[in-house]
C-alpha atoms as a PDB file:
ATOM      1  CA  MET A   1     161.303 148.408 124.589  1.00  0.00           C
ATOM      2  CA  VAL A   2     163.238 148.180 127.697  1.00  0.00           C
ATOM      3  CA  VAL A   3     163.236 145.815 130.482  1.00  0.00           C
ATOM      4  CA  VAL A   4     161.052 147.014 133.640  1.00  0.00           C
ATOM      5  CA  LEU A   5     162.807 144.593 135.912  1.00  0.00           C
ATOM      6  CA  ASP A   6     166.392 145.346 136.644  1.00  0.00           C
ATOM      7  CA  THR A   7     168.606 142.479 137.020  1.00  0.00           C
ATOM      8  CA  VAL A   8     171.535 143.973 137.143  1.00  0.00           C
ATOM      9  CA  ASN A   9     171.928 146.572 139.596  1.00  0.00           C
ATOM     10  CA  GLY A  10     170.873 145.656 143.548  1.00  0.00           C
ATOM     11  CA  SER A  11     169.038 142.732 144.128  1.00  0.00           C
ATOM     12  CA  PRO A  12     167.934 140.226 141.496  1.00  0.00           C
ATOM     13  CA  LYS A  13     164.753 141.496 139.616  1.00  0.00           C
ATOM     14  CA  ARG A  14     164.317 144.934 141.523  1.00  0.00           C
ATOM     15  CA  PRO A  15     161.730 146.652 139.811  1.00  0.00           C
ATOM     16  CA  ARG A  16     162.785 150.013 137.923  1.00  0.00           C
ATOM     17  CA  HIS A  17     159.210 151.196 138.175  1.00  0.00           C
ATOM     18  CA  PRO A  18     157.970 149.183 141.333  1.00  0.00           C
ATOM     19  CA  GLU A  19     154.392 151.465 141.044  1.00  0.00           C
ATOM     20  CA  LYS A  20     154.201 149.692 137.220  1.00  0.00           C
ATOM     21  CA  ALA A  21     155.349 146.326 137.858  1.00  0.00           C
ATOM     22  CA  HIS A  22     152.044 145.013 138.330  1.00  0.00           C
ATOM     23  CA  ARG A  23     149.864 147.133 135.507  1.00  0.00           C
ATOM     24  CA  PRO A  24     148.845 145.103 132.788  1.00  0.00           C
ATOM     25  CA  ASP A  25     150.374 145.414 129.441  1.00  0.00           C
ATOM     26  CA  THR A  26     149.311 148.328 126.973  1.00  0.00           C
ATOM     27  CA  PRO A  27     149.557 147.091 123.066  1.00  0.00           C
ATOM     28  CA  ALA A  28     152.403 148.904 121.346  1.00  0.00           C
ATOM     29  CA  LEU A  29     151.967 150.279 117.741  1.00  0.00           C
ATOM     30  CA  LYS A  30     154.171 149.621 114.979  1.00  0.00           C
ATOM     31  CA  LYS A  31     156.552 152.503 114.300  1.00  0.00           C
ATOM     32  CA  PRO A  32     156.217 154.103 111.334  1.00  0.00           C
ATOM     33  CA  ASP A  33     159.252 154.277 108.695  1.00  0.00           C
ATOM     34  CA  TRP A  34     159.816 157.715 109.798  1.00  0.00           C
ATOM     35  CA  ILE A  35     160.888 156.686 113.164  1.00  0.00           C
ATOM     36  CA  ARG A  36     163.889 155.068 112.593  1.00  0.00           C
ATOM     37  CA  VAL A  37     167.293 155.498 114.137  1.00  0.00           C
ATOM     38  CA  ARG A  38     171.005 153.983 113.921  1.00  0.00           C
ATOM     39  CA  ALA A  39     172.635 151.788 116.457  1.00  0.00           C
ATOM     40  CA  PRO A  40     175.118 153.575 118.953  1.00  0.00           C
ATOM     41  CA  VAL A  41     178.113 151.769 117.915  1.00  0.00           C
ATOM     42  CA  SER A  42     180.360 154.477 116.608  1.00  0.00           C
ATOM     43  CA  ARG A  43     183.839 155.528 118.239  1.00  0.00           C
ATOM     44  CA  GLY A  44     182.770 159.025 119.339  1.00  0.00           C
ATOM     45  CA  TYR A  45     179.603 157.093 121.111  1.00  0.00           C
ATOM     46  CA  ALA A  46     182.084 154.852 122.958  1.00  0.00           C
ATOM     47  CA  ALA A  47     184.480 157.862 123.686  1.00  0.00           C
ATOM     48  CA  THR A  48     181.616 159.531 125.168  1.00  0.00           C
ATOM     49  CA  ARG A  49     180.296 156.492 127.385  1.00  0.00           C
ATOM     50  CA  ASP A  50     183.904 156.467 128.560  1.00  0.00           C
ATOM     51  CA  ILE A  51     184.208 159.828 129.692  1.00  0.00           C
ATOM     52  CA  VAL A  52     181.058 159.607 131.258  1.00  0.00           C
ATOM     53  CA  ARG A  53     181.797 156.488 133.389  1.00  0.00           C
ATOM     54  CA  ALA A  54     185.406 157.710 134.274  1.00  0.00           C
ATOM     55  CA  HIS A  55     183.606 160.614 135.970  1.00  0.00           C
ATOM     56  CA  GLY A  56     180.697 158.566 137.852  1.00  0.00           C
ATOM     57  CA  LEU A  57     177.831 160.783 136.290  1.00  0.00           C
ATOM     58  CA  HIS A  58     174.079 159.768 134.863  1.00  0.00           C
ATOM     59  CA  THR A  59     172.719 161.001 131.552  1.00  0.00           C
ATOM     60  CA  VAL A  60     169.299 161.381 130.577  1.00  0.00           C
ATOM     61  CA  CYS A  61     170.401 159.894 127.327  1.00  0.00           C
ATOM     62  CA  GLU A  62     170.954 156.710 129.115  1.00  0.00           C
ATOM     63  CA  GLU A  63     168.332 156.544 131.783  1.00  0.00           C
ATOM     64  CA  ALA A  64     165.321 158.033 129.643  1.00  0.00           C
ATOM     65  CA  GLY A  65     166.027 155.763 126.768  1.00  0.00           C
ATOM     66  CA  CYS A  66     166.465 158.887 123.992  1.00  0.00           C
ATOM     67  CA  PRO A  67     166.292 157.501 120.416  1.00  0.00           C
ATOM     68  CA  ASN A  68     168.920 160.127 119.773  1.00  0.00           C
ATOM     69  CA  ILE A  69     171.742 158.726 121.672  1.00  0.00           C
ATOM     70  CA  GLY A  70     173.717 157.296 118.593  1.00  0.00           C
ATOM     71  CA  GLU A  71     173.689 160.784 116.955  1.00  0.00           C
ATOM     72  CA  CYS A  72     174.398 162.979 119.879  1.00  0.00           C
ATOM     73  CA  TRP A  73     177.157 161.030 121.443  1.00  0.00           C
ATOM     74  CA  ASP A  74     179.062 160.411 118.156  1.00  0.00           C
ATOM     75  CA  LYS A  75     179.502 164.480 118.309  1.00  0.00           C
ATOM     76  CA  LYS A  76     180.189 163.959 122.172  1.00  0.00           C
ATOM     77  CA  HIS A  77     176.969 165.753 123.111  1.00  0.00           C
ATOM     78  CA  ALA A  78     175.528 164.181 126.328  1.00  0.00           C
ATOM     79  CA  THR A  79     173.060 165.518 128.438  1.00  0.00           C
ATOM     80  CA  PHE A  80     173.903 164.976 132.260  1.00  0.00           C
ATOM     81  CA  MET A  81     171.199 163.977 135.008  1.00  0.00           C
ATOM     82  CA  ILE A  82     172.192 165.001 138.395  1.00  0.00           C
ATOM     83  CA  MET A  83     171.383 164.342 141.808  1.00  0.00           C
ATOM     84  CA  GLY A  84     171.152 160.448 140.999  1.00  0.00           C
ATOM     85  CA  ASP A  85     169.597 157.867 139.342  1.00  0.00           C
ATOM     86  CA  THR A  86     166.307 157.736 141.287  1.00  0.00           C
ATOM     87  CA  CYS A  87     163.326 160.068 140.563  1.00  0.00           C
ATOM     88  CA  THR A  88     160.624 160.621 143.409  1.00  0.00           C
ATOM     89  CA  ARG A  89     157.990 160.706 140.748  1.00  0.00           C
ATOM     90  CA  ALA A  90     156.390 158.131 138.755  1.00  0.00           C
ATOM     91  CA  CYS A  91     155.338 159.731 135.416  1.00  0.00           C
ATOM     92  CA  ALA A  92     153.867 157.466 133.084  1.00  0.00           C
ATOM     93  CA  PHE A  93     155.657 158.075 130.067  1.00  0.00           C
ATOM     94  CA  CYS A  94     159.194 158.362 131.664  1.00  0.00           C
ATOM     95  CA  ASN A  95     161.946 155.581 132.036  1.00  0.00           C
ATOM     96  CA  VAL A  96     164.081 156.993 134.544  1.00  0.00           C
ATOM     97  CA  ARG A  97     164.046 154.818 137.987  1.00  0.00           C
ATOM     98  CA  THR A  98     161.630 155.410 140.618  1.00  0.00           C
ATOM     99  CA  GLY A  99     162.071 155.008 144.092  1.00  0.00           C
ATOM    100  CA  LEU A 100     163.519 156.709 147.154  1.00  0.00           C
ATOM    101  CA  PRO A 101     166.980 158.636 146.167  1.00  0.00           C
ATOM    102  CA  GLY A 102     169.911 158.722 148.360  1.00  0.00           C
ATOM    103  CA  ALA A 103     171.640 161.686 149.595  1.00  0.00           C
ATOM    104  CA  LEU A 104     173.467 164.338 147.207  1.00  0.00           C
ATOM    105  CA  ASP A 105     176.724 163.859 146.173  1.00  0.00           C
ATOM    106  CA  PRO A 106     178.952 167.263 146.993  1.00  0.00           C
ATOM    107  CA  HIS A 107     181.532 166.215 144.417  1.00  0.00           C
ATOM    108  CA  GLU A 108     179.286 165.863 141.482  1.00  0.00           C
ATOM    109  CA  PRO A 109     179.282 169.587 140.535  1.00  0.00           C
ATOM    110  CA  ALA A 110     183.279 169.145 139.700  1.00  0.00           C
ATOM    111  CA  ARG A 111     182.832 166.294 137.922  1.00  0.00           C
ATOM    112  CA  VAL A 112     180.407 167.438 135.667  1.00  0.00           C
ATOM    113  CA  ALA A 113     182.208 170.616 135.120  1.00  0.00           C
ATOM    114  CA  GLU A 114     185.330 168.248 134.340  1.00  0.00           C
ATOM    115  CA  ALA A 115     183.278 165.953 132.129  1.00  0.00           C
ATOM    116  CA  THR A 116     182.148 168.960 130.377  1.00  0.00           C
ATOM    117  CA  ALA A 117     185.636 170.083 130.177  1.00  0.00           C
ATOM    118  CA  MET A 118     186.889 166.623 128.598  1.00  0.00           C
ATOM    119  CA  LEU A 119     184.034 166.206 126.021  1.00  0.00           C
ATOM    120  CA  GLY A 120     185.039 169.947 124.770  1.00  0.00           C
ATOM    121  CA  LEU A 121     181.687 171.210 125.031  1.00  0.00           C
ATOM    122  CA  ALA A 122     180.762 174.428 124.048  1.00  0.00           C
ATOM    123  CA  HIS A 123     177.356 174.254 125.486  1.00  0.00           C
ATOM    124  CA  VAL A 124     176.194 171.821 127.982  1.00  0.00           C
ATOM    125  CA  VAL A 125     172.462 170.670 129.002  1.00  0.00           C
ATOM    126  CA  VAL A 126     171.944 169.624 132.591  1.00  0.00           C
ATOM    127  CA  THR A 127     168.936 168.204 133.862  1.00  0.00           C
ATOM    128  CA  SER A 128     167.644 166.087 137.041  1.00  0.00           C
ATOM    129  CA  VAL A 129     165.511 163.631 138.649  1.00  0.00           C
ATOM    130  CA  ASP A 130     162.938 165.166 140.659  1.00  0.00           C
ATOM    131  CA  ARG A 131     163.951 165.087 144.341  1.00  0.00           C
ATOM    132  CA  ASP A 132     160.724 166.180 146.005  1.00  0.00           C
ATOM    133  CA  ASP A 133     162.729 164.877 149.535  1.00  0.00           C
ATOM    134  CA  LEU A 134     164.646 168.013 149.437  1.00  0.00           C
ATOM    135  CA  ALA A 135     163.713 170.855 151.119  1.00  0.00           C
ATOM    136  CA  ASP A 136     164.645 173.344 147.880  1.00  0.00           C
ATOM    137  CA  GLY A 137     163.905 170.200 145.556  1.00  0.00           C
ATOM    138  CA  GLY A 138     167.377 170.240 144.547  1.00  0.00           C
ATOM    139  CA  ALA A 139     167.912 173.995 143.662  1.00  0.00           C
ATOM    140  CA  ALA A 140     171.096 174.540 145.470  1.00  0.00           C
ATOM    141  CA  HIS A 141     172.916 171.625 143.982  1.00  0.00           C
ATOM    142  CA  PHE A 142     171.653 172.904 140.390  1.00  0.00           C
ATOM    143  CA  ALA A 143     173.270 176.179 141.189  1.00  0.00           C
ATOM    144  CA  ALA A 144     176.403 174.501 142.449  1.00  0.00           C
ATOM    145  CA  VAL A 145     176.854 172.854 139.092  1.00  0.00           C
ATOM    146  CA  ILE A 146     176.237 176.105 136.894  1.00  0.00           C
ATOM    147  CA  ARG A 147     178.843 177.504 139.269  1.00  0.00           C
ATOM    148  CA  ALA A 148     181.417 174.859 138.726  1.00  0.00           C
ATOM    149  CA  ILE A 149     181.083 174.620 134.881  1.00  0.00           C
ATOM    150  CA  ARG A 150     181.605 178.583 134.540  1.00  0.00           C
ATOM    151  CA  ALA A 151     184.352 177.994 136.687  1.00  0.00           C
ATOM    152  CA  ARG A 152     185.855 174.832 134.816  1.00  0.00           C
ATOM    153  CA  CYS A 153     184.784 176.253 131.586  1.00  0.00           C
ATOM    154  CA  PRO A 154     184.025 179.973 131.176  1.00  0.00           C
ATOM    155  CA  VAL A 155     183.195 180.284 127.538  1.00  0.00           C
ATOM    156  CA  THR A 156     180.713 177.281 127.910  1.00  0.00           C
ATOM    157  CA  THR A 157     177.144 178.082 127.620  1.00  0.00           C
ATOM    158  CA  VAL A 158     174.890 176.412 130.140  1.00  0.00           C
ATOM    159  CA  GLU A 159     171.251 175.275 129.592  1.00  0.00           C
ATOM    160  CA  VAL A 160     169.254 173.564 132.576  1.00  0.00           C
ATOM    161  CA  LEU A 161     166.338 171.361 132.358  1.00  0.00           C
ATOM    162  CA  THR A 162     164.897 171.928 136.030  1.00  0.00           C
ATOM    163  CA  PRO A 163     161.730 169.723 137.547  1.00  0.00           C
ATOM    164  CA  ASP A 164     159.040 171.993 138.891  1.00  0.00           C
ATOM    165  CA  PHE A 165     160.194 172.807 142.378  1.00  0.00           C
ATOM    166  CA  LEU A 166     156.263 172.216 143.218  1.00  0.00           C
ATOM    167  CA  ARG A 167     155.961 173.585 146.683  1.00  0.00           C
ATOM    168  CA  LYS A 168     159.606 174.245 147.146  1.00  0.00           C
ATOM    169  CA  ASP A 169     159.808 178.013 147.686  1.00  0.00           C
ATOM    170  CA  GLY A 170     162.636 179.962 146.386  1.00  0.00           C
ATOM    171  CA  GLY A 171     163.615 177.310 143.876  1.00  0.00           C
ATOM    172  CA  ALA A 172     163.653 179.082 140.706  1.00  0.00           C
ATOM    173  CA  GLU A 173     165.251 182.152 142.169  1.00  0.00           C
ATOM    174  CA  THR A 174     167.953 180.044 143.303  1.00  0.00           C
ATOM    175  CA  VAL A 175     168.808 178.494 140.248  1.00  0.00           C
ATOM    176  CA  VAL A 176     167.858 181.761 138.190  1.00  0.00           C
ATOM    177  CA  ALA A 177     170.599 183.538 140.416  1.00  0.00           C
ATOM    178  CA  ALA A 178     173.307 181.219 139.044  1.00  0.00           C
ATOM    179  CA  ARG A 179     172.774 182.722 135.439  1.00  0.00           C
ATOM    180  CA  PRO A 180     172.317 180.111 133.119  1.00  0.00           C
ATOM    181  CA  ASP A 181     171.618 180.568 129.598  1.00  0.00           C
ATOM    182  CA  VAL A 182     168.792 178.746 129.512  1.00  0.00           C
ATOM    183  CA  PHE A 183     166.260 177.821 132.078  1.00  0.00           C
ATOM    184  CA  ASN A 184     163.869 175.156 130.563  1.00  0.00           C
ATOM    185  CA  HIS A 185     161.217 173.166 132.197  1.00  0.00           C
ATOM    186  CA  ASN A 186     158.969 170.900 130.042  1.00  0.00           C
ATOM    187  CA  LEU A 187     155.627 170.921 130.290  1.00  0.00           C
ATOM    188  CA  GLU A 188     155.354 167.165 128.503  1.00  0.00           C
ATOM    189  CA  THR A 189     151.616 167.109 127.867  1.00  0.00           C
ATOM    190  CA  VAL A 190     148.325 168.985 127.522  1.00  0.00           C
ATOM    191  CA  PRO A 191     146.679 170.125 130.795  1.00  0.00           C
ATOM    192  CA  SER A 192     143.847 167.410 130.378  1.00  0.00           C
ATOM    193  CA  LEU A 193     145.983 164.629 130.452  1.00  0.00           C
ATOM    194  CA  TYR A 194     148.391 165.351 133.515  1.00  0.00           C
ATOM    195  CA  LEU A 195     146.362 163.377 136.013  1.00  0.00           C
ATOM    196  CA  THR A 196     147.445 160.080 133.960  1.00  0.00           C
ATOM    197  CA  VAL A 197     150.785 161.278 132.568  1.00  0.00           C
ATOM    198  CA  ARG A 198     152.102 163.593 135.013  1.00  0.00           C
ATOM    199  CA  PRO A 199     150.210 162.938 137.783  1.00  0.00           C
ATOM    200  CA  GLY A 200     152.549 164.295 140.680  1.00  0.00           C
ATOM    201  CA  ALA A 201     152.714 167.762 138.915  1.00  0.00           C
ATOM    202  CA  ARG A 202     150.742 170.856 138.455  1.00  0.00           C
ATOM    203  CA  TYR A 203     150.140 172.291 134.770  1.00  0.00           C
ATOM    204  CA  PHE A 204     149.736 176.245 136.003  1.00  0.00           C
ATOM    205  CA  ALA A 205     152.263 175.534 138.459  1.00  0.00           C
ATOM    206  CA  SER A 206     154.480 174.663 135.595  1.00  0.00           C
ATOM    207  CA  ILE A 207     153.862 177.747 133.404  1.00  0.00           C
ATOM    208  CA  ARG A 208     154.225 180.195 136.695  1.00  0.00           C
ATOM    209  CA  LEU A 209     157.654 178.333 136.825  1.00  0.00           C
ATOM    210  CA  LEU A 210     158.735 179.197 133.129  1.00  0.00           C
ATOM    211  CA  GLN A 211     156.969 183.025 133.632  1.00  0.00           C
ATOM    212  CA  LYS A 212     158.974 183.438 136.983  1.00  0.00           C
ATOM    213  CA  ALA A 213     162.414 182.578 135.560  1.00  0.00           C
ATOM    214  CA  LYS A 214     161.713 185.543 132.806  1.00  0.00           C
ATOM    215  CA  GLU A 215     160.287 187.797 135.595  1.00  0.00           C
ATOM    216  CA  LEU A 216     163.460 187.183 137.467  1.00  0.00           C
ATOM    217  CA  ASP A 217     166.095 187.577 134.645  1.00  0.00           C
ATOM    218  CA  ARG A 218     164.764 189.164 131.228  1.00  0.00           C
ATOM    219  CA  GLN A 219     167.865 188.139 129.371  1.00  0.00           C
ATOM    220  CA  ILE A 220     167.350 184.458 130.343  1.00  0.00           C
ATOM    221  CA  PHE A 221     166.219 182.332 127.350  1.00  0.00           C
ATOM    222  CA  THR A 222     163.171 180.434 128.597  1.00  0.00           C
ATOM    223  CA  LYS A 223     162.406 176.958 127.137  1.00  0.00           C
ATOM    224  CA  SER A 224     159.736 174.148 127.135  1.00  0.00           C
ATOM    225  CA  GLY A 225     158.500 170.868 125.209  1.00  0.00           C
ATOM    226  CA  ILE A 226     155.740 168.780 124.954  1.00  0.00           C
ATOM    227  CA  MET A 227     155.343 165.118 123.359  1.00  0.00           C
ATOM    228  CA  ALA A 228     152.687 164.639 120.984  1.00  0.00           C
ATOM    229  CA  GLY A 229     151.063 161.452 120.479  1.00  0.00           C
ATOM    230  CA  LEU A 230     149.832 160.701 124.046  1.00  0.00           C
ATOM    231  CA  GLY A 231     146.376 161.367 122.944  1.00  0.00           C
ATOM    232  CA  GLU A 232     146.024 165.208 122.999  1.00  0.00           C
ATOM    233  CA  THR A 233     144.067 167.193 120.350  1.00  0.00           C
ATOM    234  CA  ARG A 234     145.396 170.043 118.052  1.00  0.00           C
ATOM    235  CA  ASN A 235     143.391 172.466 119.608  1.00  0.00           C
ATOM    236  CA  GLU A 236     144.826 171.325 122.975  1.00  0.00           C
ATOM    237  CA  VAL A 237     148.365 171.978 121.355  1.00  0.00           C
ATOM    238  CA  LEU A 238     147.563 175.478 119.802  1.00  0.00           C
ATOM    239  CA  GLN A 239     146.267 176.292 123.653  1.00  0.00           C
ATOM    240  CA  VAL A 240     149.298 175.026 125.281  1.00  0.00           C
ATOM    241  CA  MET A 241     151.399 177.363 123.024  1.00  0.00           C
ATOM    242  CA  ASP A 242     149.545 180.397 123.605  1.00  0.00           C
ATOM    243  CA  ASP A 243     150.104 179.523 127.604  1.00  0.00           C
ATOM    244  CA  LEU A 244     153.342 179.444 126.687  1.00  0.00           C
ATOM    245  CA  ARG A 245     153.458 182.573 124.920  1.00  0.00           C
ATOM    246  CA  ALA A 246     151.622 184.506 127.790  1.00  0.00           C
ATOM    247  CA  ALA A 247     154.812 183.288 129.928  1.00  0.00           C
ATOM    248  CA  GLU A 248     157.130 184.620 127.832  1.00  0.00           C
ATOM    249  CA  VAL A 249     158.619 181.719 126.660  1.00  0.00           C
ATOM    250  CA  ASP A 250     161.333 181.861 124.012  1.00  0.00           C
ATOM    251  CA  PHE A 251     161.794 178.386 122.483  1.00  0.00           C
ATOM    252  CA  LEU A 252     159.151 175.304 121.777  1.00  0.00           C
ATOM    253  CA  THR A 253     159.870 172.115 121.470  1.00  0.00           C
ATOM    254  CA  ILE A 254     157.724 169.276 119.933  1.00  0.00           C
ATOM    255  CA  GLY A 255     158.502 165.561 119.672  1.00  0.00           C
ATOM    256  CA  GLN A 256     156.592 162.263 119.270  1.00  0.00           C
ATOM    257  CA  TYR A 257     156.282 160.135 122.600  1.00  0.00           C
ATOM    258  CA  LEU A 258     157.417 156.556 122.481  1.00  0.00           C
ATOM    259  CA  GLN A 259     156.767 154.244 124.717  1.00  0.00           C
ATOM    260  CA  PRO A 260     159.605 152.921 126.756  1.00  0.00           C
ATOM    261  CA  SER A 261     158.102 149.508 128.104  1.00  0.00           C
ATOM    262  CA  PRO A 262     154.250 147.625 127.532  1.00  0.00           C
ATOM    263  CA  LYS A 263     153.837 148.831 131.495  1.00  0.00           C
ATOM    264  CA  HIS A 264     154.274 152.859 130.246  1.00  0.00           C
ATOM    265  CA  HIS A 265     151.502 154.680 129.052  1.00  0.00           C
ATOM    266  CA  ALA A 266     150.379 153.746 125.624  1.00  0.00           C
ATOM    267  CA  VAL A 267     151.473 155.610 122.283  1.00  0.00           C
ATOM    268  CA  ALA A 268     147.660 156.925 121.094  1.00  0.00           C
ATOM    269  CA  ARG A 269     149.434 157.634 117.559  1.00  0.00           C
ATOM    270  CA  PHE A 270     152.259 158.521 115.674  1.00  0.00           C
ATOM    271  CA  VAL A 271     152.256 161.841 114.437  1.00  0.00           C
ATOM    272  CA  THR A 272     152.965 162.396 110.840  1.00  0.00           C
ATOM    273  CA  PRO A 273     155.907 164.622 109.845  1.00  0.00           C
ATOM    274  CA  ASP A 274     153.643 166.936 108.141  1.00  0.00           C
ATOM    275  CA  GLU A 275     152.001 167.654 111.434  1.00  0.00           C
ATOM    276  CA  PHE A 276     155.243 168.543 113.036  1.00  0.00           C
ATOM    277  CA  ALA A 277     156.080 170.571 110.421  1.00  0.00           C
ATOM    278  CA  ALA A 278     152.339 172.734 110.610  1.00  0.00           C
ATOM    279  CA  TYR A 279     152.914 172.877 114.492  1.00  0.00           C
ATOM    280  CA  GLU A 280     156.098 174.687 113.483  1.00  0.00           C
ATOM    281  CA  THR A 281     154.658 176.942 111.325  1.00  0.00           C
ATOM    282  CA  ILE A 282     151.892 178.004 114.007  1.00  0.00           C
ATOM    283  CA  ALA A 283     154.602 178.367 116.862  1.00  0.00           C
ATOM    284  CA  TYR A 284     156.499 180.928 114.697  1.00  0.00           C
ATOM    285  CA  ALA A 285     153.331 182.604 114.000  1.00  0.00           C
ATOM    286  CA  LYS A 286     152.371 182.729 117.395  1.00  0.00           C
ATOM    287  CA  GLY A 287     155.954 184.608 118.431  1.00  0.00           C
ATOM    288  CA  PHE A 288     158.046 181.958 119.476  1.00  0.00           C
ATOM    289  CA  LEU A 289     161.945 182.778 118.862  1.00  0.00           C
ATOM    290  CA  MET A 290     162.702 179.444 118.155  1.00  0.00           C
ATOM    291  CA  VAL A 291     160.884 175.699 117.459  1.00  0.00           C
ATOM    292  CA  SER A 292     161.929 172.492 116.874  1.00  0.00           C
ATOM    293  CA  ALA A 293     158.771 170.046 115.986  1.00  0.00           C
ATOM    294  CA  SER A 294     159.689 166.770 114.425  1.00  0.00           C
ATOM    295  CA  PRO A 295     159.231 163.042 115.266  1.00  0.00           C
ATOM    296  CA  LEU A 296     162.699 162.614 116.825  1.00  0.00           C
ATOM    297  CA  THR A 297     163.005 166.438 118.428  1.00  0.00           C
ATOM    298  CA  ARG A 298     164.204 166.233 122.053  1.00  0.00           C
ATOM    299  CA  SER A 299     164.860 168.828 124.655  1.00  0.00           C
ATOM    300  CA  SER A 300     168.470 168.690 124.659  1.00  0.00           C
ATOM    301  CA  HIS A 301     168.764 167.504 120.720  1.00  0.00           C
ATOM    302  CA  HIS A 302     170.778 169.905 118.945  1.00  0.00           C
ATOM    303  CA  ALA A 303     170.838 172.217 121.700  1.00  0.00           C
ATOM    304  CA  GLY A 304     174.050 173.913 120.956  1.00  0.00           C
ATOM    305  CA  GLU A 305     173.053 174.698 117.550  1.00  0.00           C
ATOM    306  CA  ASP A 306     169.586 175.535 118.624  1.00  0.00           C
ATOM    307  CA  PHE A 307     171.049 178.075 121.355  1.00  0.00           C
ATOM    308  CA  ALA A 308     173.153 180.162 118.565  1.00  0.00           C
ATOM    309  CA  ARG A 309     169.872 180.203 116.404  1.00  0.00           C
ATOM    310  CA  LEU A 310     168.094 181.434 119.512  1.00  0.00           C
ATOM    311  CA  GLN A 311     170.727 184.289 120.278  1.00  0.00           C
ATOM    312  CA  ALA A 312     170.471 185.338 116.607  1.00  0.00           C
ATOM    313  CA  ALA A 313     166.919 185.369 116.502  1.00  0.00           C
ATOM    314  CA  ARG A 314     166.792 187.747 119.736  1.00  0.00           C
ATOM    315  CA  ALA A 315     168.971 189.898 118.001  1.00  0.00           C
ATOM    316  CA  ASN A 316     167.362 190.065 115.088  1.00  0.00           C
ATOM    317  CA  SER A 317     163.673 190.453 116.467  1.00  0.00           C
ATOM    318  CA  VAL A 318     161.964 193.300 117.186  1.00  0.00           C
ATOM    319  CA  PRO A 319     161.314 194.558 120.673  1.00  0.00           C
ATOM    320  CA  PRO A 320     159.724 192.037 123.137  1.00  0.00           C
ATOM    321  CA  PRO A 321     155.821 192.449 122.975  1.00  0.00           C
ATOM    322  CA  TYR A 322     155.818 191.760 126.743  1.00  0.00           C
ATOM    323  CA  PRO A 323     157.366 195.080 128.619  1.00  0.00           C
ATOM    324  CA  PRO A 324     159.417 194.154 131.953  1.00  0.00           C
ATOM    325  CA  PRO A 325     157.038 193.923 134.888  1.00  0.00           C
ATOM    326  CA  GLN A 326     157.625 197.236 136.950  1.00  0.00           C
ATOM    327  CA  ALA A 327     157.639 197.635 140.416  1.00  0.00           C
ATOM    328  CA  GLY A 328     154.853 196.149 142.613  1.00  0.00           C
ATOM    329  CA  GLU A 329     153.057 195.253 139.475  1.00  0.00           C
ATOM    330  CA  ASP A 330     151.620 191.430 139.363  1.00  0.00           C
ATOM    331  CA  LYS A 331     151.817 190.247 136.071  1.00  0.00           C
ATOM    332  CA  SER A 332     151.212 186.467 137.288  1.00  0.00           C
ATOM    333  CA  ILE A 333     148.993 184.542 134.652  1.00  0.00           C
ATOM    334  CA  PHE A 334     148.876 181.921 137.222  1.00  0.00           C
ATOM    335  CA  PRO A 335     144.843 181.632 137.902  1.00  0.00           C
ATOM    336  CA  PRO A 336     143.044 181.426 141.122  1.00  0.00           C
ATOM    337  CA  PRO A 337     142.155 177.617 142.219  1.00  0.00           C
ATOM    338  CA  LEU A 338     139.076 176.940 141.415  1.00  0.00           C
ATOM    339  CA  ALA A 339     136.211 174.426 142.979  1.00  0.00           C
ATOM    340  CA  GLY A 340     137.863 170.949 143.196  1.00  0.00           C
ATOM    341  CA  GLU A 341     141.411 171.816 142.242  1.00  0.00           C
ATOM    342  CA  GLY A 342     144.754 171.783 144.110  1.00  0.00           C
ATOM    343  CA  ARG A 343     146.286 174.973 145.306  1.00  0.00           C
ATOM    344  CA  GLU A 344     148.698 174.804 142.712  1.00  0.00           C
ATOM    345  CA  GLY A 345     145.911 175.312 139.815  1.00  0.00           C
ATOM    346  CA  GLY A 346     145.951 171.804 138.867  1.00  0.00           C
ATOM    347  CA  ALA A 347     143.294 169.053 139.058  1.00  0.00           C
ATOM    348  CA  VAL A 348     143.427 167.148 142.483  1.00  0.00           C
ATOM    349  CA  SER A 349     145.274 164.124 142.408  1.00  0.00           C
ATOM    350  CA  ALA A 350     144.186 160.902 144.321  1.00  0.00           C
ATOM    351  CA  VAL A 351     146.846 161.405 146.856  1.00  0.00           C
ATOM    352  CA  GLU A 352     145.624 164.855 147.785  1.00  0.00           C
ATOM    353  CA  ARG A 353     142.023 163.517 147.697  1.00  0.00           C
ATOM    354  CA  ARG A 354     143.117 161.226 150.552  1.00  0.00           C
END
């Protein structure tokens, strides 16, 4: 578990999650034997931490409390989190600080590129907080980071894990134009749980973002992930797989949700390793080029190795089942809003109703 109140930075007892501070605690289930990780105490971990600190960077590994941080940082694999450490959303599952972010740092792209070089990364993953306060959602900053990495580390492949750019026209176009090798956007959960787990997002808007990235660049790899154990059903997970394949997503990750604190969404259950293995088998049968499904799977866990496998899978695959869209053809799977739905196709939030 993590502490919800931040007593180190800023004013004393400044809430890290002000929207959760007064919620009643939710019971925490005892973790099963298959969810065990080593404490991060290696020399490699310390070296990675020192490089991140020296460049004044944030990582999702730390901010989100990733259980794999010891393993990844020991290998000098860190996932950079750009545009600050404060998110404008308030997802019920996430440990990243919520609030009003500061101004963008124009020197951050160069620092990310330099840290990438110092870590010797052959494949780098860059993610961000949500920045609903910015006109483009931070898309131009993502593009600047990609270009800086390309200039400093020409042989390093780049994977981006983006926000949804909800109501930010042109966001996907800006990021894809910078030519990342992998465009990742996580659905996080099944559509029926969005209002409680991911209330600021819209399921079909996220699906459409992934589809648009593929339409803009047929060579780009697209990737998405969900968490298991939030209360979803098996059939709902299978439907998400179908929706992602309809959007031509190449790579699916499924991992166990772990509750960051008693104030966060409760773990409904711990999904067994056998169930994850079954999900992986089904996902491959549905046509994904790459699938990673296990209790400790996370979006950027083993990202470099998985990217190599992804490239090999594409090279060995038959022609894709979805031909490139023709000029003027509308291949959108994004449905028209139904009665009572928001304009992005998801259920109306409490904010919109007001």
